[in-house]
Amino acid sequence: MSQPNNPFRRYYLPFRGMFDPCPPLGPKVFVTPPNLFIGFQPPDFPQFPPLEALRKGTLWEPFFDYYESPYRK
C-alpha cells in the first residue's frame, strides 16, 4: 500500500501472535483530525461562509479534511 499525500492518514499492521490460527491481516488505515496538530487557534483564522460551513461540518478551513476511503479501488 503506497503512502498517499494526505498527512493526516496513518497506517499500522495489526499484531499477529506466533500461534494465531487466523490468516494475517493487511495494513489498517485511520485518519487523524487536523485539529490535533494545531496547538492554539491563531487570530484571523480563515473561515468558511455559513452555508458552506454547514455542508463541510466545520467553520474553520484548516480543520476541514475530506475523507476518502483508502480501501476503495
PDB file of N, CA and C in Angstrom:
ATOM      1  N   MET A   1       0.856  -1.180   0.000  1.00  0.00           N
ATOM      2  CA  MET A   1       0.000   0.000   0.000  1.00  0.00           C
ATOM      3  C   MET A   1       0.894   1.234   0.000  1.00  0.00           C
ATOM      4  N   SER A   2       0.717   2.093  -0.961  1.00  0.00           N
ATOM      5  CA  SER A   2       1.577   3.265  -1.061  1.00  0.00           C
ATOM      6  C   SER A   2       1.093   4.381  -0.136  1.00  0.00           C
ATOM      7  N   GLN A   3       2.013   5.232   0.240  1.00  0.00           N
ATOM      8  CA  GLN A   3       1.709   6.353   1.133  1.00  0.00           C
ATOM      9  C   GLN A   3       1.154   7.507   0.294  1.00  0.00           C
ATOM     10  N   PRO A   4      -0.139   7.880   0.486  1.00  0.00           N
ATOM     11  CA  PRO A   4      -0.695   8.988  -0.286  1.00  0.00           C
ATOM     12  C   PRO A   4      -0.200  10.321   0.249  1.00  0.00           C
ATOM     13  N   ASN A   5      -0.626  11.404  -0.388  1.00  0.00           N
ATOM     14  CA  ASN A   5      -0.190  12.746   0.007  1.00  0.00           C
ATOM     15  C   ASN A   5      -0.971  13.304   1.181  1.00  0.00           C
ATOM     16  N   ASN A   6      -1.856  12.542   1.786  1.00  0.00           N
ATOM     17  CA  ASN A   6      -2.644  13.014   2.912  1.00  0.00           C
ATOM     18  C   ASN A   6      -1.817  12.901   4.192  1.00  0.00           C
ATOM     19  N   PRO A   7      -1.427  14.039   4.816  1.00  0.00           N
ATOM     20  CA  PRO A   7      -0.584  13.955   6.018  1.00  0.00           C
ATOM     21  C   PRO A   7      -1.341  13.485   7.251  1.00  0.00           C
ATOM     22  N   PHE A   8      -2.680  13.401   7.195  1.00  0.00           N
ATOM     23  CA  PHE A   8      -3.469  13.011   8.350  1.00  0.00           C
ATOM     24  C   PHE A   8      -3.786  11.515   8.365  1.00  0.00           C
ATOM     25  N   ARG A   9      -3.400  10.804   7.330  1.00  0.00           N
ATOM     26  CA  ARG A   9      -3.689   9.375   7.240  1.00  0.00           C
ATOM     27  C   ARG A   9      -2.517   8.587   7.822  1.00  0.00           C
ATOM     28  N   ARG A  10      -2.835   7.641   8.693  1.00  0.00           N
ATOM     29  CA  ARG A  10      -1.816   6.820   9.345  1.00  0.00           C
ATOM     30  C   ARG A  10      -2.081   5.345   9.047  1.00  0.00           C
ATOM     31  N   TYR A  11      -1.012   4.554   9.026  1.00  0.00           N
ATOM     32  CA  TYR A  11      -1.099   3.126   8.733  1.00  0.00           C
ATOM     33  C   TYR A  11      -0.473   2.330   9.877  1.00  0.00           C
ATOM     34  N   TYR A  12      -0.972   1.123  10.094  1.00  0.00           N
ATOM     35  CA  TYR A  12      -0.330   0.209  11.040  1.00  0.00           C
ATOM     36  C   TYR A  12      -0.640  -1.226  10.640  1.00  0.00           C
ATOM     37  N   LEU A  13       0.210  -2.130  11.059  1.00  0.00           N
ATOM     38  CA  LEU A  13      -0.010  -3.555  10.846  1.00  0.00           C
ATOM     39  C   LEU A  13      -0.491  -4.160  12.155  1.00  0.00           C
ATOM     40  N   PRO A  14      -1.646  -4.824  12.167  1.00  0.00           N
ATOM     41  CA  PRO A  14      -2.130  -5.460  13.399  1.00  0.00           C
ATOM     42  C   PRO A  14      -1.165  -6.556  13.866  1.00  0.00           C
ATOM     43  N   PHE A  15      -1.063  -6.698  15.180  1.00  0.00           N
ATOM     44  CA  PHE A  15      -0.184  -7.724  15.758  1.00  0.00           C
ATOM     45  C   PHE A  15      -0.731  -9.111  15.440  1.00  0.00           C
ATOM     46  N   ARG A  16       0.167  -9.990  15.102  1.00  0.00           N
ATOM     47  CA  ARG A  16      -0.203 -11.383  14.854  1.00  0.00           C
ATOM     48  C   ARG A  16       0.686 -12.263  15.713  1.00  0.00           C
ATOM     49  N   GLY A  17       0.059 -12.996  16.627  1.00  0.00           N
ATOM     50  CA  GLY A  17       0.805 -13.876  17.515  1.00  0.00           C
ATOM     51  C   GLY A  17       1.394 -15.065  16.782  1.00  0.00           C
ATOM     52  N   MET A  18       2.383 -15.695  17.410  1.00  0.00           N
ATOM     53  CA  MET A  18       3.078 -16.816  16.795  1.00  0.00           C
ATOM     54  C   MET A  18       2.136 -18.012  16.576  1.00  0.00           C
ATOM     55  N   PHE A  19       1.161 -18.187  17.468  1.00  0.00           N
ATOM     56  CA  PHE A  19       0.267 -19.340  17.374  1.00  0.00           C
ATOM     57  C   PHE A  19      -1.141 -18.941  16.935  1.00  0.00           C
ATOM     58  N   ASP A  20      -1.279 -17.794  16.313  1.00  0.00           N
ATOM     59  CA  ASP A  20      -2.577 -17.314  15.858  1.00  0.00           C
ATOM     60  C   ASP A  20      -3.035 -18.154  14.673  1.00  0.00           C
ATOM     61  N   PRO A  21      -4.209 -18.824  14.761  1.00  0.00           N
ATOM     62  CA  PRO A  21      -4.657 -19.681  13.663  1.00  0.00           C
ATOM     63  C   PRO A  21      -5.256 -18.909  12.490  1.00  0.00           C
ATOM     64  N   CYS A  22      -5.574 -17.639  12.680  1.00  0.00           N
ATOM     65  CA  CYS A  22      -6.206 -16.852  11.621  1.00  0.00           C
ATOM     66  C   CYS A  22      -5.166 -16.365  10.615  1.00  0.00           C
ATOM     67  N   PRO A  23      -5.577 -16.158   9.375  1.00  0.00           N
ATOM     68  CA  PRO A  23      -4.632 -15.623   8.395  1.00  0.00           C
ATOM     69  C   PRO A  23      -4.259 -14.180   8.772  1.00  0.00           C
ATOM     70  N   PRO A  24      -3.071 -13.745   8.420  1.00  0.00           N
ATOM     71  CA  PRO A  24      -2.650 -12.392   8.791  1.00  0.00           C
ATOM     72  C   PRO A  24      -3.499 -11.327   8.096  1.00  0.00           C
ATOM     73  N   LEU A  25      -3.730 -10.220   8.802  1.00  0.00           N
ATOM     74  CA  LEU A  25      -4.480  -9.101   8.248  1.00  0.00           C
ATOM     75  C   LEU A  25      -3.512  -8.153   7.545  1.00  0.00           C
ATOM     76  N   GLY A  26      -4.023  -7.455   6.570  1.00  0.00           N
ATOM     77  CA  GLY A  26      -3.209  -6.476   5.876  1.00  0.00           C
ATOM     78  C   GLY A  26      -3.105  -5.189   6.676  1.00  0.00           C
ATOM     79  N   PRO A  27      -2.458  -4.184   6.144  1.00  0.00           N
ATOM     80  CA  PRO A  27      -2.323  -2.916   6.853  1.00  0.00           C
ATOM     81  C   PRO A  27      -3.681  -2.250   7.073  1.00  0.00           C
ATOM     82  N   LYS A  28      -3.855  -1.633   8.217  1.00  0.00           N
ATOM     83  CA  LYS A  28      -5.077  -0.907   8.557  1.00  0.00           C
ATOM     84  C   LYS A  28      -4.795   0.585   8.459  1.00  0.00           C
ATOM     85  N   VAL A  29      -5.822   1.345   8.140  1.00  0.00           N
ATOM     86  CA  VAL A  29      -5.683   2.784   7.923  1.00  0.00           C
ATOM     87  C   VAL A  29      -6.629   3.521   8.849  1.00  0.00           C
ATOM     88  N   PHE A  30      -6.162   4.629   9.416  1.00  0.00           N
ATOM     89  CA  PHE A  30      -7.041   5.517  10.169  1.00  0.00           C
ATOM     90  C   PHE A  30      -6.647   6.953   9.882  1.00  0.00           C
ATOM     91  N   VAL A  31      -7.579   7.859  10.084  1.00  0.00           N
ATOM     92  CA  VAL A  31      -7.363   9.267   9.787  1.00  0.00           C
ATOM     93  C   VAL A  31      -7.405  10.055  11.084  1.00  0.00           C
ATOM     94  N   THR A  32      -6.393  10.883  11.304  1.00  0.00           N
ATOM     95  CA  THR A  32      -6.369  11.733  12.493  1.00  0.00           C
ATOM     96  C   THR A  32      -6.963  13.097  12.133  1.00  0.00           C
ATOM     97  N   PRO A  33      -7.720  13.704  13.038  1.00  0.00           N
ATOM     98  CA  PRO A  33      -8.314  15.009  12.727  1.00  0.00           C
ATOM     99  C   PRO A  33      -7.251  16.102  12.685  1.00  0.00           C
ATOM    100  N   PRO A  34      -7.390  17.068  11.783  1.00  0.00           N
ATOM    101  CA  PRO A  34      -6.384  18.128  11.642  1.00  0.00           C
ATOM    102  C   PRO A  34      -6.211  18.980  12.904  1.00  0.00           C
ATOM    103  N   ASN A  35      -7.258  19.093  13.730  1.00  0.00           N
ATOM    104  CA  ASN A  35      -7.141  19.956  14.904  1.00  0.00           C
ATOM    105  C   ASN A  35      -6.188  19.396  15.952  1.00  0.00           C
ATOM    106  N   LEU A  36      -5.749  18.140  15.825  1.00  0.00           N
ATOM    107  CA  LEU A  36      -4.762  17.596  16.764  1.00  0.00           C
ATOM    108  C   LEU A  36      -3.399  18.244  16.600  1.00  0.00           C
ATOM    109  N   PHE A  37      -3.129  18.808  15.438  1.00  0.00           N
ATOM    110  CA  PHE A  37      -1.807  19.320  15.134  1.00  0.00           C
ATOM    111  C   PHE A  37      -1.709  20.836  15.252  1.00  0.00           C
ATOM    112  N   ILE A  38      -2.777  21.482  15.696  1.00  0.00           N
ATOM    113  CA  ILE A  38      -2.759  22.931  15.911  1.00  0.00           C
ATOM    114  C   ILE A  38      -2.881  23.154  17.410  1.00  0.00           C
ATOM    115  N   GLY A  39      -1.834  23.692  18.026  1.00  0.00           N
ATOM    116  CA  GLY A  39      -1.809  23.861  19.473  1.00  0.00           C
ATOM    117  C   GLY A  39      -2.777  24.912  19.978  1.00  0.00           C
ATOM    118  N   PHE A  40      -2.980  25.969  19.214  1.00  0.00           N
ATOM    119  CA  PHE A  40      -3.896  27.037  19.603  1.00  0.00           C
ATOM    120  C   PHE A  40      -4.486  27.644  18.348  1.00  0.00           C
ATOM    121  N   GLN A  41      -5.588  28.343  18.509  1.00  0.00           N
ATOM    122  CA  GLN A  41      -6.235  28.964  17.357  1.00  0.00           C
ATOM    123  C   GLN A  41      -5.691  30.373  17.178  1.00  0.00           C
ATOM    124  N   PRO A  42      -4.943  30.617  16.123  1.00  0.00           N
ATOM    125  CA  PRO A  42      -4.378  31.944  15.892  1.00  0.00           C
ATOM    126  C   PRO A  42      -5.479  32.955  15.546  1.00  0.00           C
ATOM    127  N   PRO A  43      -5.222  34.230  15.765  1.00  0.00           N
ATOM    128  CA  PRO A  43      -6.210  35.238  15.370  1.00  0.00           C
ATOM    129  C   PRO A  43      -6.348  35.284  13.837  1.00  0.00           C
ATOM    130  N   ASP A  44      -7.509  35.708  13.399  1.00  0.00           N
ATOM    131  CA  ASP A  44      -7.814  35.808  11.961  1.00  0.00           C
ATOM    132  C   ASP A  44      -7.692  34.458  11.251  1.00  0.00           C
ATOM    133  N   PHE A  45      -8.172  33.411  11.896  1.00  0.00           N
ATOM    134  CA  PHE A  45      -8.206  32.079  11.300  1.00  0.00           C
ATOM    135  C   PHE A  45      -9.182  32.112  10.125  1.00  0.00           C
ATOM    136  N   PRO A  46      -8.810  31.596   8.934  1.00  0.00           N
ATOM    137  CA  PRO A  46      -9.733  31.632   7.791  1.00  0.00           C
ATOM    138  C   PRO A  46     -10.989  30.806   8.062  1.00  0.00           C
ATOM    139  N   GLN A  47     -12.141  31.355   7.656  1.00  0.00           N
ATOM    140  CA  GLN A  47     -13.426  30.701   7.905  1.00  0.00           C
ATOM    141  C   GLN A  47     -14.179  30.486   6.596  1.00  0.00           C
ATOM    142  N   PHE A  48     -15.026  29.438   6.611  1.00  0.00           N
ATOM    143  CA  PHE A  48     -15.939  29.200   5.504  1.00  0.00           C
ATOM    144  C   PHE A  48     -17.148  30.103   5.673  1.00  0.00           C
ATOM    145  N   PRO A  49     -17.843  30.442   4.590  1.00  0.00           N
ATOM    146  CA  PRO A  49     -19.137  31.114   4.722  1.00  0.00           C
ATOM    147  C   PRO A  49     -20.112  30.180   5.451  1.00  0.00           C
ATOM    148  N   PRO A  50     -21.135  30.718   6.134  1.00  0.00           N
ATOM    149  CA  PRO A  50     -22.015  29.887   6.972  1.00  0.00           C
ATOM    150  C   PRO A  50     -22.625  28.671   6.281  1.00  0.00           C
ATOM    151  N   LEU A  51     -23.172  28.816   5.075  1.00  0.00           N
ATOM    152  CA  LEU A  51     -23.798  27.671   4.406  1.00  0.00           C
ATOM    153  C   LEU A  51     -22.775  26.601   4.028  1.00  0.00           C
ATOM    154  N   GLU A  52     -21.616  27.033   3.570  1.00  0.00           N
ATOM    155  CA  GLU A  52     -20.569  26.064   3.223  1.00  0.00           C
ATOM    156  C   GLU A  52     -20.038  25.370   4.484  1.00  0.00           C
ATOM    157  N   ALA A  53     -19.962  26.109   5.583  1.00  0.00           N
ATOM    158  CA  ALA A  53     -19.514  25.522   6.853  1.00  0.00           C
ATOM    159  C   ALA A  53     -20.480  24.441   7.320  1.00  0.00           C
ATOM    160  N   LEU A  54     -21.773  24.642   7.122  1.00  0.00           N
ATOM    161  CA  LEU A  54     -22.749  23.612   7.482  1.00  0.00           C
ATOM    162  C   LEU A  54     -22.565  22.359   6.639  1.00  0.00           C
ATOM    163  N   ARG A  55     -22.255  22.531   5.360  1.00  0.00           N
ATOM    164  CA  ARG A  55     -22.053  21.386   4.479  1.00  0.00           C
ATOM    165  C   ARG A  55     -20.767  20.626   4.822  1.00  0.00           C
ATOM    166  N   LYS A  56     -19.722  21.355   5.199  1.00  0.00           N
ATOM    167  CA  LYS A  56     -18.421  20.724   5.459  1.00  0.00           C
ATOM    168  C   LYS A  56     -18.267  20.264   6.899  1.00  0.00           C
ATOM    169  N   GLY A  57     -19.112  20.758   7.814  1.00  0.00           N
ATOM    170  CA  GLY A  57     -19.066  20.294   9.196  1.00  0.00           C
ATOM    171  C   GLY A  57     -18.107  21.040  10.093  1.00  0.00           C
ATOM    172  N   THR A  58     -17.502  22.102   9.600  1.00  0.00           N
ATOM    173  CA  THR A  58     -16.599  22.914  10.417  1.00  0.00           C
ATOM    174  C   THR A  58     -16.595  24.343   9.905  1.00  0.00           C
ATOM    175  N   LEU A  59     -16.370  25.269  10.801  1.00  0.00           N
ATOM    176  CA  LEU A  59     -16.339  26.674  10.417  1.00  0.00           C
ATOM    177  C   LEU A  59     -14.977  27.078   9.876  1.00  0.00           C
ATOM    178  N   TRP A  60     -13.913  26.478  10.391  1.00  0.00           N
ATOM    179  CA  TRP A  60     -12.563  26.910  10.043  1.00  0.00           C
ATOM    180  C   TRP A  60     -11.971  26.041   8.951  1.00  0.00           C
ATOM    181  N   GLU A  61     -11.419  26.684   7.929  1.00  0.00           N
ATOM    182  CA  GLU A  61     -10.867  25.976   6.770  1.00  0.00           C
ATOM    183  C   GLU A  61      -9.731  25.004   7.113  1.00  0.00           C
ATOM    184  N   PRO A  62      -8.786  25.358   7.987  1.00  0.00           N
ATOM    185  CA  PRO A  62      -7.693  24.396   8.271  1.00  0.00           C
ATOM    186  C   PRO A  62      -8.164  23.134   8.983  1.00  0.00           C
ATOM    187  N   PHE A  63      -9.363  23.148   9.596  1.00  0.00           N
ATOM    188  CA  PHE A  63      -9.857  21.963  10.286  1.00  0.00           C
ATOM    189  C   PHE A  63     -10.618  21.022   9.358  1.00  0.00           C
ATOM    190  N   PHE A  64     -10.854  21.422   8.120  1.00  0.00           N
ATOM    191  CA  PHE A  64     -11.598  20.583   7.193  1.00  0.00           C
ATOM    192  C   PHE A  64     -10.651  19.587   6.538  1.00  0.00           C
ATOM    193  N   ASP A  65     -11.048  18.319   6.545  1.00  0.00           N
ATOM    194  CA  ASP A  65     -10.281  17.277   5.895  1.00  0.00           C
ATOM    195  C   ASP A  65     -11.268  16.344   5.209  1.00  0.00           C
ATOM    196  N   TYR A  66     -11.252  16.320   3.901  1.00  0.00           N
ATOM    197  CA  TYR A  66     -12.156  15.466   3.139  1.00  0.00           C
ATOM    198  C   TYR A  66     -11.737  14.020   3.323  1.00  0.00           C
ATOM    199  N   TYR A  67     -12.678  13.155   3.708  1.00  0.00           N
ATOM    200  CA  TYR A  67     -12.370  11.739   3.909  1.00  0.00           C
ATOM    201  C   TYR A  67     -12.667  10.967   2.634  1.00  0.00           C
ATOM    202  N   GLU A  68     -11.689  10.253   2.177  1.00  0.00           N
ATOM    203  CA  GLU A  68     -11.863   9.363   1.029  1.00  0.00           C
ATOM    204  C   GLU A  68     -11.391   7.985   1.476  1.00  0.00           C
ATOM    205  N   SER A  69     -12.194   6.978   1.281  1.00  0.00           N
ATOM    206  CA  SER A  69     -11.881   5.635   1.754  1.00  0.00           C
ATOM    207  C   SER A  69     -10.611   5.110   1.068  1.00  0.00           C
ATOM    208  N   PRO A  70      -9.625   4.684   1.850  1.00  0.00           N
ATOM    209  CA  PRO A  70      -8.401   4.137   1.248  1.00  0.00           C
ATOM    210  C   PRO A  70      -8.598   2.733   0.693  1.00  0.00           C
ATOM    211  N   TYR A  71      -9.723   2.084   1.040  1.00  0.00           N
ATOM    212  CA  TYR A  71      -9.972   0.722   0.600  1.00  0.00           C
ATOM    213  C   TYR A  71     -10.713   0.668  -0.730  1.00  0.00           C
ATOM    214  N   ARG A  72     -11.265   1.787  -1.175  1.00  0.00           N
ATOM    215  CA  ARG A  72     -11.977   1.822  -2.454  1.00  0.00           C
ATOM    216  C   ARG A  72     -10.947   1.813  -3.577  1.00  0.00           C
ATOM    217  N   LYS A  73     -11.172   0.994  -4.581  1.00  0.00           N
ATOM    218  CA  LYS A  73     -10.207   0.891  -5.671  1.00  0.00           C
ATOM    219  C   LYS A  73     -10.740   1.458  -6.944  1.00  0.00           C
TER     220      LYS A  73
END
